[in-house]
Amino acid sequence: MRMLNSIVKDCSDDIKIAPTIKHTLTNATLQERVAYFTPKKDALVDINNNIINIAMEIVSILSNAPAAS
């Protein structure tokens, strides 16, 4: 949950500075754009992997739970 709150805060912060980012990225070189977006992509990949791991743990727990009678 903290991770999700962090993402929401980051997105909120990005929206607040969006006009500046748009101007900066419009004039940025390809390398500068890659440098800007790579950490964001990496964070999303990490979050996705964490979600998958949590889902797999839930499935494992549920598959080992005794059936309701």
PDB file of N, CA and C in Angstrom:
ATOM      1  N   MET A   1       0.820  -1.187   0.000  1.00  0.00           N
ATOM      2  CA  MET A   1       0.000   0.000   0.000  1.00  0.00           C
ATOM      3  C   MET A   1       0.869   1.258   0.000  1.00  0.00           C
ATOM      4  N   ARG A   2       1.960   1.210   0.762  1.00  0.00           N
ATOM      5  CA  ARG A   2       2.852   2.369   0.774  1.00  0.00           C
ATOM      6  C   ARG A   2       3.418   2.620  -0.614  1.00  0.00           C
ATOM      7  N   MET A   3       3.698   1.520  -1.332  1.00  0.00           N
ATOM      8  CA  MET A   3       4.249   1.662  -2.673  1.00  0.00           C
ATOM      9  C   MET A   3       3.241   2.360  -3.582  1.00  0.00           C
ATOM     10  N   LEU A   4       1.978   1.958  -3.465  1.00  0.00           N
ATOM     11  CA  LEU A   4       0.931   2.574  -4.276  1.00  0.00           C
ATOM     12  C   LEU A   4       0.784   4.053  -3.931  1.00  0.00           C
ATOM     13  N   ASN A   5       0.819   4.369  -2.642  1.00  0.00           N
ATOM     14  CA  ASN A   5       0.743   5.776  -2.229  1.00  0.00           C
ATOM     15  C   ASN A   5       1.914   6.574  -2.791  1.00  0.00           C
ATOM     16  N   SER A   6       3.079   5.951  -2.824  1.00  0.00           N
ATOM     17  CA  SER A   6       4.263   6.612  -3.367  1.00  0.00           C
ATOM     18  C   SER A   6       4.082   6.907  -4.858  1.00  0.00           C
ATOM     19  N   ILE A   7       3.523   5.940  -5.580  1.00  0.00           N
ATOM     20  CA  ILE A   7       3.290   6.129  -7.016  1.00  0.00           C
ATOM     21  C   ILE A   7       2.301   7.267  -7.237  1.00  0.00           C
ATOM     22  N   VAL A   8       1.224   7.267  -6.446  1.00  0.00           N
ATOM     23  CA  VAL A   8       0.216   8.324  -6.582  1.00  0.00           C
ATOM     24  C   VAL A   8       0.844   9.685  -6.306  1.00  0.00           C
ATOM     25  N   LYS A   9       1.678   9.764  -5.271  1.00  0.00           N
ATOM     26  CA  LYS A   9       2.343  11.027  -4.945  1.00  0.00           C
ATOM     27  C   LYS A   9       3.261  11.451  -6.091  1.00  0.00           C
ATOM     28  N   ASP A  10       4.041  10.493  -6.626  1.00  0.00           N
ATOM     29  CA  ASP A  10       4.932  10.814  -7.743  1.00  0.00           C
ATOM     30  C   ASP A  10       4.136  11.322  -8.942  1.00  0.00           C
ATOM     31  N   CYS A  11       3.023  10.652  -9.245  1.00  0.00           N
ATOM     32  CA  CYS A  11       2.193  11.078 -10.375  1.00  0.00           C
ATOM     33  C   CYS A  11       1.617  12.462 -10.117  1.00  0.00           C
ATOM     34  N   SER A  12       1.176  12.675  -8.887  1.00  0.00           N
ATOM     35  CA  SER A  12       0.627  13.986  -8.522  1.00  0.00           C
ATOM     36  C   SER A  12       1.687  15.071  -8.682  1.00  0.00           C
ATOM     37  N   ASP A  13       2.893  14.772  -8.218  1.00  0.00           N
ATOM     38  CA  ASP A  13       3.989  15.735  -8.358  1.00  0.00           C
ATOM     39  C   ASP A  13       4.293  15.995  -9.830  1.00  0.00           C
ATOM     40  N   ASP A  14       4.263  14.931 -10.644  1.00  0.00           N
ATOM     41  CA  ASP A  14       4.523  15.087 -12.077  1.00  0.00           C
ATOM     42  C   ASP A  14       3.454  15.954 -12.733  1.00  0.00           C
ATOM     43  N   ILE A  15       2.195  15.769 -12.320  1.00  0.00           N
ATOM     44  CA  ILE A  15       1.115  16.569 -12.900  1.00  0.00           C
ATOM     45  C   ILE A  15       1.304  18.041 -12.546  1.00  0.00           C
ATOM     46  N   LYS A  16       1.723  18.307 -11.316  1.00  0.00           N
ATOM     47  CA  LYS A  16       1.918  19.693 -10.884  1.00  0.00           C
ATOM     48  C   LYS A  16       3.009  20.386 -11.701  1.00  0.00           C
ATOM     49  N   ILE A  17       4.025  19.614 -12.092  1.00  0.00           N
ATOM     50  CA  ILE A  17       5.124  20.223 -12.843  1.00  0.00           C
ATOM     51  C   ILE A  17       5.066  19.862 -14.329  1.00  0.00           C
ATOM     52  N   ALA A  18       3.912  19.342 -14.765  1.00  0.00           N
ATOM     53  CA  ALA A  18       3.770  18.896 -16.151  1.00  0.00           C
ATOM     54  C   ALA A  18       4.123  19.962 -17.178  1.00  0.00           C
ATOM     55  N   PRO A  19       3.673  21.211 -17.012  1.00  0.00           N
ATOM     56  CA  PRO A  19       4.047  22.215 -18.022  1.00  0.00           C
ATOM     57  C   PRO A  19       5.562  22.372 -18.153  1.00  0.00           C
ATOM     58  N   THR A  20       6.259  22.337 -17.028  1.00  0.00           N
ATOM     59  CA  THR A  20       7.721  22.448 -17.061  1.00  0.00           C
ATOM     60  C   THR A  20       8.330  21.226 -17.725  1.00  0.00           C
ATOM     61  N   ILE A  21       7.811  20.035 -17.360  1.00  0.00           N
ATOM     62  CA  ILE A  21       8.329  18.796 -17.949  1.00  0.00           C
ATOM     63  C   ILE A  21       8.091  18.798 -19.453  1.00  0.00           C
ATOM     64  N   LYS A  22       6.873  19.193 -19.868  1.00  0.00           N
ATOM     65  CA  LYS A  22       6.560  19.215 -21.299  1.00  0.00           C
ATOM     66  C   LYS A  22       7.533  20.121 -22.038  1.00  0.00           C
ATOM     67  N   HIS A  23       7.766  21.302 -21.500  1.00  0.00           N
ATOM     68  CA  HIS A  23       8.698  22.230 -22.137  1.00  0.00           C
ATOM     69  C   HIS A  23      10.103  21.630 -22.161  1.00  0.00           C
ATOM     70  N   THR A  24      10.510  21.066 -21.042  1.00  0.00           N
ATOM     71  CA  THR A  24      11.853  20.487 -20.951  1.00  0.00           C
ATOM     72  C   THR A  24      12.011  19.319 -21.913  1.00  0.00           C
ATOM     73  N   LEU A  25      11.019  18.416 -21.936  1.00  0.00           N
ATOM     74  CA  LEU A  25      11.124  17.242 -22.804  1.00  0.00           C
ATOM     75  C   LEU A  25      10.978  17.610 -24.273  1.00  0.00           C
ATOM     76  N   THR A  26      10.222  18.649 -24.573  1.00  0.00           N
ATOM     77  CA  THR A  26      10.073  19.083 -25.962  1.00  0.00           C
ATOM     78  C   THR A  26      11.426  19.504 -26.528  1.00  0.00           C
ATOM     79  N   ASN A  27      12.221  20.140 -25.693  1.00  0.00           N
ATOM     80  CA  ASN A  27      13.527  20.625 -26.138  1.00  0.00           C
ATOM     81  C   ASN A  27      14.664  19.659 -25.817  1.00  0.00           C
ATOM     82  N   ALA A  28      14.335  18.514 -25.236  1.00  0.00           N
ATOM     83  CA  ALA A  28      15.369  17.576 -24.793  1.00  0.00           C
ATOM     84  C   ALA A  28      15.882  16.727 -25.949  1.00  0.00           C
ATOM     85  N   THR A  29      17.111  16.297 -25.802  1.00  0.00           N
ATOM     86  CA  THR A  29      17.668  15.341 -26.756  1.00  0.00           C
ATOM     87  C   THR A  29      17.101  13.964 -26.438  1.00  0.00           C
ATOM     88  N   LEU A  30      17.310  13.034 -27.327  1.00  0.00           N
ATOM     89  CA  LEU A  30      16.846  11.666 -27.099  1.00  0.00           C
ATOM     90  C   LEU A  30      17.460  11.098 -25.823  1.00  0.00           C
ATOM     91  N   GLN A  31      18.741  11.330 -25.619  1.00  0.00           N
ATOM     92  CA  GLN A  31      19.410  10.814 -24.425  1.00  0.00           C
ATOM     93  C   GLN A  31      18.803  11.403 -23.153  1.00  0.00           C
ATOM     94  N   GLU A  32      18.454  12.674 -23.189  1.00  0.00           N
ATOM     95  CA  GLU A  32      17.837  13.311 -22.019  1.00  0.00           C
ATOM     96  C   GLU A  32      16.446  12.744 -21.754  1.00  0.00           C
ATOM     97  N   ARG A  33      15.717  12.463 -22.816  1.00  0.00           N
ATOM     98  CA  ARG A  33      14.387  11.860 -22.649  1.00  0.00           C
ATOM     99  C   ARG A  33      14.508  10.460 -22.065  1.00  0.00           C
ATOM    100  N   VAL A  34      15.447   9.694 -22.580  1.00  0.00           N
ATOM    101  CA  VAL A  34      15.669   8.342 -22.054  1.00  0.00           C
ATOM    102  C   VAL A  34      16.065   8.414 -20.586  1.00  0.00           C
ATOM    103  N   ALA A  35      16.941   9.342 -20.254  1.00  0.00           N
ATOM    104  CA  ALA A  35      17.377   9.495 -18.860  1.00  0.00           C
ATOM    105  C   ALA A  35      16.206   9.874 -17.956  1.00  0.00           C
ATOM    106  N   TYR A  36      15.256  10.626 -18.471  1.00  0.00           N
ATOM    107  CA  TYR A  36      14.094  11.034 -17.674  1.00  0.00           C
ATOM    108  C   TYR A  36      13.127   9.867 -17.466  1.00  0.00           C
ATOM    109  N   PHE A  37      12.852   9.119 -18.548  1.00  0.00           N
ATOM    110  CA  PHE A  37      11.816   8.090 -18.469  1.00  0.00           C
ATOM    111  C   PHE A  37      12.307   6.740 -17.949  1.00  0.00           C
ATOM    112  N   THR A  38      13.574   6.425 -18.079  1.00  0.00           N
ATOM    113  CA  THR A  38      14.074   5.111 -17.664  1.00  0.00           C
ATOM    114  C   THR A  38      13.805   4.800 -16.198  1.00  0.00           C
ATOM    115  N   PRO A  39      14.098   5.693 -15.251  1.00  0.00           N
ATOM    116  CA  PRO A  39      13.800   5.364 -13.850  1.00  0.00           C
ATOM    117  C   PRO A  39      12.303   5.143 -13.600  1.00  0.00           C
ATOM    118  N   LYS A  40      11.460   5.887 -14.300  1.00  0.00           N
ATOM    119  CA  LYS A  40      10.016   5.715 -14.138  1.00  0.00           C
ATOM    120  C   LYS A  40       9.588   4.353 -14.669  1.00  0.00           C
ATOM    121  N   LYS A  41      10.142   3.949 -15.812  1.00  0.00           N
ATOM    122  CA  LYS A  41       9.822   2.637 -16.369  1.00  0.00           C
ATOM    123  C   LYS A  41      10.319   1.540 -15.449  1.00  0.00           C
ATOM    124  N   ASP A  42      11.537   1.685 -14.948  1.00  0.00           N
ATOM    125  CA  ASP A  42      12.098   0.678 -14.049  1.00  0.00           C
ATOM    126  C   ASP A  42      11.252   0.533 -12.791  1.00  0.00           C
ATOM    127  N   ALA A  43      10.769   1.648 -12.265  1.00  0.00           N
ATOM    128  CA  ALA A  43       9.920   1.600 -11.070  1.00  0.00           C
ATOM    129  C   ALA A  43       8.620   0.864 -11.370  1.00  0.00           C
ATOM    130  N   LEU A  44       8.045   1.106 -12.539  1.00  0.00           N
ATOM    131  CA  LEU A  44       6.809   0.413 -12.907  1.00  0.00           C
ATOM    132  C   LEU A  44       7.040  -1.080 -13.090  1.00  0.00           C
ATOM    133  N   VAL A  45       8.172  -1.459 -13.653  1.00  0.00           N
ATOM    134  CA  VAL A  45       8.503  -2.876 -13.806  1.00  0.00           C
ATOM    135  C   VAL A  45       8.635  -3.525 -12.433  1.00  0.00           C
ATOM    136  N   ASP A  46       9.314  -2.855 -11.503  1.00  0.00           N
ATOM    137  CA  ASP A  46       9.460  -3.385 -10.147  1.00  0.00           C
ATOM    138  C   ASP A  46       8.101  -3.542  -9.471  1.00  0.00           C
ATOM    139  N   ILE A  47       7.243  -2.552  -9.625  1.00  0.00           N
ATOM    140  CA  ILE A  47       5.908  -2.621  -9.026  1.00  0.00           C
ATOM    141  C   ILE A  47       5.119  -3.767  -9.633  1.00  0.00           C
ATOM    142  N   ASN A  48       5.195  -3.910 -10.945  1.00  0.00           N
ATOM    143  CA  ASN A  48       4.501  -5.000 -11.626  1.00  0.00           C
ATOM    144  C   ASN A  48       4.989  -6.346 -11.104  1.00  0.00           C
ATOM    145  N   ASN A  49       6.295  -6.506 -10.956  1.00  0.00           N
ATOM    146  CA  ASN A  49       6.842  -7.760 -10.441  1.00  0.00           C
ATOM    147  C   ASN A  49       6.376  -8.019  -9.018  1.00  0.00           C
ATOM    148  N   ASN A  50       6.309  -6.972  -8.201  1.00  0.00           N
ATOM    149  CA  ASN A  50       5.825  -7.130  -6.828  1.00  0.00           C
ATOM    150  C   ASN A  50       4.364  -7.555  -6.808  1.00  0.00           C
ATOM    151  N   ILE A  51       3.559  -6.975  -7.671  1.00  0.00           N
ATOM    152  CA  ILE A  51       2.139  -7.340  -7.747  1.00  0.00           C
ATOM    153  C   ILE A  51       1.998  -8.801  -8.153  1.00  0.00           C
ATOM    154  N   ILE A  52       2.783  -9.224  -9.126  1.00  0.00           N
ATOM    155  CA  ILE A  52       2.737 -10.622  -9.565  1.00  0.00           C
ATOM    156  C   ILE A  52       3.143 -11.548  -8.423  1.00  0.00           C
ATOM    157  N   ASN A  53       4.203 -11.200  -7.699  1.00  0.00           N
ATOM    158  CA  ASN A  53       4.649 -12.034  -6.580  1.00  0.00           C
ATOM    159  C   ASN A  53       3.594 -12.118  -5.486  1.00  0.00           C
ATOM    160  N   ILE A  54       2.953 -11.002  -5.182  1.00  0.00           N
ATOM    161  CA  ILE A  54       1.898 -11.001  -4.165  1.00  0.00           C
ATOM    162  C   ILE A  54       0.731 -11.871  -4.622  1.00  0.00           C
ATOM    163  N   ALA A  55       0.341 -11.745  -5.888  1.00  0.00           N
ATOM    164  CA  ALA A  55      -0.753 -12.556  -6.417  1.00  0.00           C
ATOM    165  C   ALA A  55      -0.408 -14.040  -6.350  1.00  0.00           C
ATOM    166  N   MET A  56       0.828 -14.386  -6.658  1.00  0.00           N
ATOM    167  CA  MET A  56       1.246 -15.790  -6.599  1.00  0.00           C
ATOM    168  C   MET A  56       1.222 -16.303  -5.161  1.00  0.00           C
ATOM    169  N   GLU A  57       1.615 -15.469  -4.206  1.00  0.00           N
ATOM    170  CA  GLU A  57       1.558 -15.864  -2.800  1.00  0.00           C
ATOM    171  C   GLU A  57       0.113 -16.091  -2.365  1.00  0.00           C
ATOM    172  N   ILE A  58      -0.792 -15.223  -2.794  1.00  0.00           N
ATOM    173  CA  ILE A  58      -2.207 -15.381  -2.452  1.00  0.00           C
ATOM    174  C   ILE A  58      -2.753 -16.673  -3.032  1.00  0.00           C
ATOM    175  N   VAL A  59      -2.429 -16.955  -4.284  1.00  0.00           N
ATOM    176  CA  VAL A  59      -2.882 -18.196  -4.920  1.00  0.00           C
ATOM    177  C   VAL A  59      -2.335 -19.397  -4.168  1.00  0.00           C
ATOM    178  N   SER A  60      -1.075 -19.338  -3.772  1.00  0.00           N
ATOM    179  CA  SER A  60      -0.464 -20.439  -3.024  1.00  0.00           C
ATOM    180  C   SER A  60      -1.168 -20.652  -1.691  1.00  0.00           C
ATOM    181  N   ILE A  61      -1.449 -19.565  -0.989  1.00  0.00           N
ATOM    182  CA  ILE A  61      -2.137 -19.669   0.305  1.00  0.00           C
ATOM    183  C   ILE A  61      -3.532 -20.250   0.116  1.00  0.00           C
ATOM    184  N   LEU A  62      -4.244 -19.747  -0.887  1.00  0.00           N
ATOM    185  CA  LEU A  62      -5.605 -20.229  -1.121  1.00  0.00           C
ATOM    186  C   LEU A  62      -5.629 -21.682  -1.576  1.00  0.00           C
ATOM    187  N   SER A  63      -4.642 -22.095  -2.330  1.00  0.00           N
ATOM    188  CA  SER A  63      -4.626 -23.486  -2.801  1.00  0.00           C
ATOM    189  C   SER A  63      -4.302 -24.456  -1.670  1.00  0.00           C
ATOM    190  N   ASN A  64      -3.660 -23.969  -0.615  1.00  0.00           N
ATOM    191  CA  ASN A  64      -3.340 -24.821   0.531  1.00  0.00           C
ATOM    192  C   ASN A  64      -4.394 -24.744   1.628  1.00  0.00           C
ATOM    193  N   ALA A  65      -5.364 -23.854   1.475  1.00  0.00           N
ATOM    194  CA  ALA A  65      -6.414 -23.716   2.483  1.00  0.00           C
ATOM    195  C   ALA A  65      -7.378 -24.893   2.380  1.00  0.00           C
ATOM    196  N   PRO A  66      -7.858 -25.364   3.529  1.00  0.00           N
ATOM    197  CA  PRO A  66      -8.827 -26.469   3.481  1.00  0.00           C
ATOM    198  C   PRO A  66     -10.130 -26.002   2.827  1.00  0.00           C
ATOM    199  N   ALA A  67     -10.747 -26.897   2.114  1.00  0.00           N
ATOM    200  CA  ALA A  67     -11.996 -26.563   1.426  1.00  0.00           C
ATOM    201  C   ALA A  67     -13.103 -26.346   2.445  1.00  0.00           C
ATOM    202  N   ALA A  68     -13.971 -25.396   2.157  1.00  0.00           N
ATOM    203  CA  ALA A  68     -15.118 -25.145   3.041  1.00  0.00           C
ATOM    204  C   ALA A  68     -16.102 -26.297   2.907  1.00  0.00           C
ATOM    205  N   SER A  69     -16.688 -26.678   4.027  1.00  0.00           N
ATOM    206  CA  SER A  69     -17.627 -27.812   3.950  1.00  0.00           C
ATOM    207  C   SER A  69     -19.061 -27.375   4.017  1.00  0.00           C
TER     208      SER A  69
END
